[in-house]
Structures are given as structure tokens and as C-alpha cells.
Amino acid sequence: EQVIQAQFKSAGLTSAASSSGAKSSILPGIVACKNCGARFAEGVKFCGKCGKSDFIVISESQQTSEQVNCPRCASLLPSNAKFCGKCGAPIISKTQSTPVDVGPKSAVSRPNSEIKKLCVSCGMINPLSAKFCGRCGAIV
């Protein structure tokens, strides 16, 4: 509760303004990455697009309707996110095509679904396509 009050105070909001029913120009829960501009639900630890961890609060006038929910944790994400900034789940867009393997499979190759990347910082197992750890944001 103290964290929420501190966030409202830093955004210029008071408990009197929020209890009086006055609509704020700041949307609670929407932040944007300062590096790439990707938008996420408040509480993310790192950007799901570029991996940075510096965010700004988005005002209502800046919000766009081009957002999707994470299939794993239901966090609000920009439509161009490659993975969820909160849980690290890969986000597959409807326009994203799946790669087609036209070459013959060798006896030693394994499907990509079996190959994973281990984060050396926290030990989380990440998908092969991940550039950043879904738990701590470290480069994998």
C-alpha cells in the first residue's frame, strides 16, 4: 500500500483526487520503455522488446489500442513485443511466419523445441530464441 501511495505522490496524484472520482491523466499500470518505446503493464522488470529496465509512465493520451495479452500471465503488451516483459513467455504475433526447414534432417539434429538456453545469472531455462532471460533480464 505504501508503494502505491508513493507512486501516486510521485505522479502528482493525491488520495483525495483519486477518491473524489476525478479522472487522472496518468494511466495506472501502463509504462513504456525509455529505450525503444515498447509499452507494458506496470511491474515489469525489463523490456520484452529490447531488454532494458528503464520505464516511464504513459499518459492516457499516449495509450494506443494496439496491445495484446501475454498467453502465459495475461500482462498487457504492445502488439510488436517478442516476449513478455513480466514472465518471459515468447509472444508469437499473427503476422509472424514460422520458419520452414527445406533441408534434410541429419541424425544429430534435434527439434528447436528441445533446445533451451540456461541463464547463468539465475538458472532459469529459456527458449532457444530468447535473447534475454525471462526471469532476471540477463543476456542469454
Protein backbone atom coordinates (compact mmCIF):
# COMPACT_ATOMS: atom_id res chain seq x y z
CA GLU A 1 0.00 0.00 0.00
CA GLN A 2 2.86 2.39 0.77
CA VAL A 3 4.44 1.67 -2.61
CA ILE A 4 1.19 2.53 -4.38
CA GLN A 5 0.86 5.76 -2.39
CA ALA A 6 4.45 6.69 -3.23
CA GLN A 7 3.79 6.08 -6.93
CA PHE A 8 0.70 8.29 -6.84
CA LYS A 9 2.57 11.05 -5.00
CA SER A 10 5.44 10.94 -7.48
CA ALA A 11 2.95 11.15 -10.34
CA GLY A 12 1.34 14.23 -8.77
CA LEU A 13 -1.79 12.43 -7.60
CA THR A 14 -3.26 12.53 -4.13
CA SER A 15 -5.60 10.16 -2.40
CA ALA A 16 -8.20 12.96 -2.27
CA ALA A 17 -8.13 13.37 -6.05
CA SER A 18 -8.46 9.64 -6.62
CA SER A 19 -11.28 9.24 -4.10
CA SER A 20 -13.25 12.22 -5.45
CA GLY A 21 -13.74 10.43 -8.76
CA ALA A 22 -11.63 12.89 -10.77
CA LYS A 23 -10.11 11.12 -13.74
CA SER A 24 -6.33 11.24 -13.86
CA SER A 25 -4.29 11.86 -17.00
CA ILE A 26 -1.90 9.13 -15.87
CA LEU A 27 -2.99 5.57 -16.51
CA PRO A 28 -2.03 3.36 -13.59
CA GLY A 29 -0.41 0.20 -14.83
CA ILE A 30 0.92 1.32 -18.24
CA VAL A 31 4.63 2.01 -18.71
CA ALA A 32 6.87 2.50 -21.75
CA CYS A 33 10.49 1.53 -22.23
CA LYS A 34 12.66 4.66 -22.40
CA ASN A 35 14.95 2.93 -24.90
CA CYS A 36 12.56 1.56 -27.55
CA GLY A 37 9.11 2.86 -26.54
CA ALA A 38 7.51 -0.58 -26.11
CA ARG A 39 4.56 -0.50 -23.69
CA PHE A 40 3.84 -2.91 -20.87
CA ALA A 41 1.80 -3.40 -17.73
CA GLU A 42 3.35 -1.72 -14.71
CA GLY A 43 5.51 -4.06 -12.66
CA VAL A 44 7.63 -5.48 -15.47
CA LYS A 45 11.28 -5.87 -14.59
CA PHE A 46 12.66 -5.45 -18.09
CA CYS A 47 11.50 -4.60 -21.61
CA GLY A 48 10.18 -7.55 -23.60
CA LYS A 49 11.44 -5.98 -26.82
CA CYS A 50 14.96 -4.69 -26.08
CA GLY A 51 15.74 -6.00 -22.58
CA LYS A 52 16.35 -2.62 -20.90
CA SER A 53 14.90 -1.92 -17.46
CA ASP A 54 14.19 1.84 -17.55
CA PHE A 55 10.48 2.76 -17.89
CA ILE A 56 8.26 5.86 -17.89
CA VAL A 57 4.55 6.09 -17.01
CA ILE A 58 2.26 6.52 -20.04
CA SER A 59 -0.47 9.16 -20.01
CA GLU A 60 -3.97 8.39 -21.29
CA SER A 61 -3.44 10.45 -24.46
CA GLN A 62 -0.41 8.34 -25.38
CA GLN A 63 -2.12 4.97 -24.99
CA THR A 64 -2.79 3.00 -28.18
CA SER A 65 -5.23 0.18 -28.74
CA GLU A 66 -2.56 -1.96 -30.43
CA GLN A 67 -1.86 -4.18 -27.45
CA VAL A 68 -2.12 -7.90 -26.75
CA ASN A 69 -2.21 -10.03 -23.62
CA CYS A 70 0.57 -12.45 -22.73
CA PRO A 71 -0.67 -16.03 -23.28
CA ARG A 72 1.00 -17.16 -20.04
CA CYS A 73 0.40 -14.38 -17.46
CA ALA A 74 -2.13 -12.09 -19.26
CA SER A 75 0.05 -8.96 -18.89
CA LEU A 76 -0.76 -6.16 -21.30
CA LEU A 77 1.92 -5.99 -24.02
CA PRO A 78 2.50 -3.98 -27.20
CA SER A 79 1.49 -5.82 -30.35
CA ASN A 80 5.13 -5.89 -31.54
CA ALA A 81 6.55 -7.49 -28.35
CA LYS A 82 8.69 -10.55 -28.97
CA PHE A 83 8.37 -11.87 -25.43
CA CYS A 84 6.61 -10.92 -22.21
CA GLY A 85 8.49 -8.46 -20.03
CA LYS A 86 6.96 -9.91 -16.88
CA CYS A 87 7.15 -13.71 -17.27
CA GLY A 88 9.41 -14.08 -20.32
CA ALA A 89 6.97 -16.09 -22.43
CA PRO A 90 7.63 -15.82 -26.17
CA ILE A 91 4.94 -13.84 -27.99
CA ILE A 92 4.02 -15.11 -31.45
CA SER A 93 2.18 -12.49 -33.47
CA LYS A 94 -0.42 -13.39 -36.06
CA THR A 95 1.73 -11.81 -38.80
CA GLN A 96 4.87 -13.65 -37.72
CA SER A 97 5.60 -16.54 -40.04
CA THR A 98 7.17 -19.76 -38.87
CA PRO A 99 10.47 -20.69 -40.50
CA VAL A 100 10.33 -23.55 -42.98
CA ASP A 101 13.15 -26.08 -42.98
CA VAL A 102 13.78 -27.17 -46.55
CA GLY A 103 16.98 -29.11 -45.96
CA PRO A 104 17.23 -32.78 -44.98
CA LYS A 105 17.41 -33.53 -41.27
CA SER A 106 20.60 -35.12 -40.07
CA ALA A 107 20.67 -37.82 -37.43
CA VAL A 108 22.29 -35.49 -34.89
CA SER A 109 19.92 -32.53 -35.24
CA ARG A 110 17.20 -32.03 -32.66
CA PRO A 111 13.98 -30.05 -32.99
CA ASN A 112 14.23 -26.48 -31.69
CA SER A 113 11.56 -27.26 -29.11
CA GLU A 114 14.04 -29.47 -27.24
CA ILE A 115 16.94 -27.00 -27.28
CA LYS A 116 16.90 -24.46 -24.44
CA LYS A 117 19.20 -21.75 -23.08
CA LEU A 118 20.19 -21.71 -19.41
CA CYS A 119 20.59 -18.31 -17.74
CA VAL A 120 23.94 -18.20 -15.96
CA SER A 121 22.69 -15.45 -13.63
CA CYS A 122 19.57 -17.08 -12.16
CA GLY A 123 19.40 -20.61 -13.61
CA MET A 124 16.11 -20.23 -15.49
CA ILE A 125 15.68 -22.33 -18.63
CA ASN A 126 14.74 -20.08 -21.57
CA PRO A 127 13.63 -20.86 -25.15
CA LEU A 128 16.37 -21.04 -27.78
CA SER A 129 15.09 -17.86 -29.46
CA ALA A 130 15.36 -15.80 -26.23
CA LYS A 131 17.94 -13.03 -26.16
CA PHE A 132 17.21 -12.10 -22.54
CA CYS A 133 16.30 -14.21 -19.51
CA GLY A 134 12.58 -14.20 -18.80
CA ARG A 135 13.16 -14.10 -15.04
CA CYS A 136 16.03 -11.67 -14.44
CA GLY A 137 16.57 -9.95 -17.81
CA ALA A 138 20.21 -11.02 -18.20
CA ILE A 139 21.52 -11.70 -21.70
CA VAL A 140 21.36 -15.44 -22.51
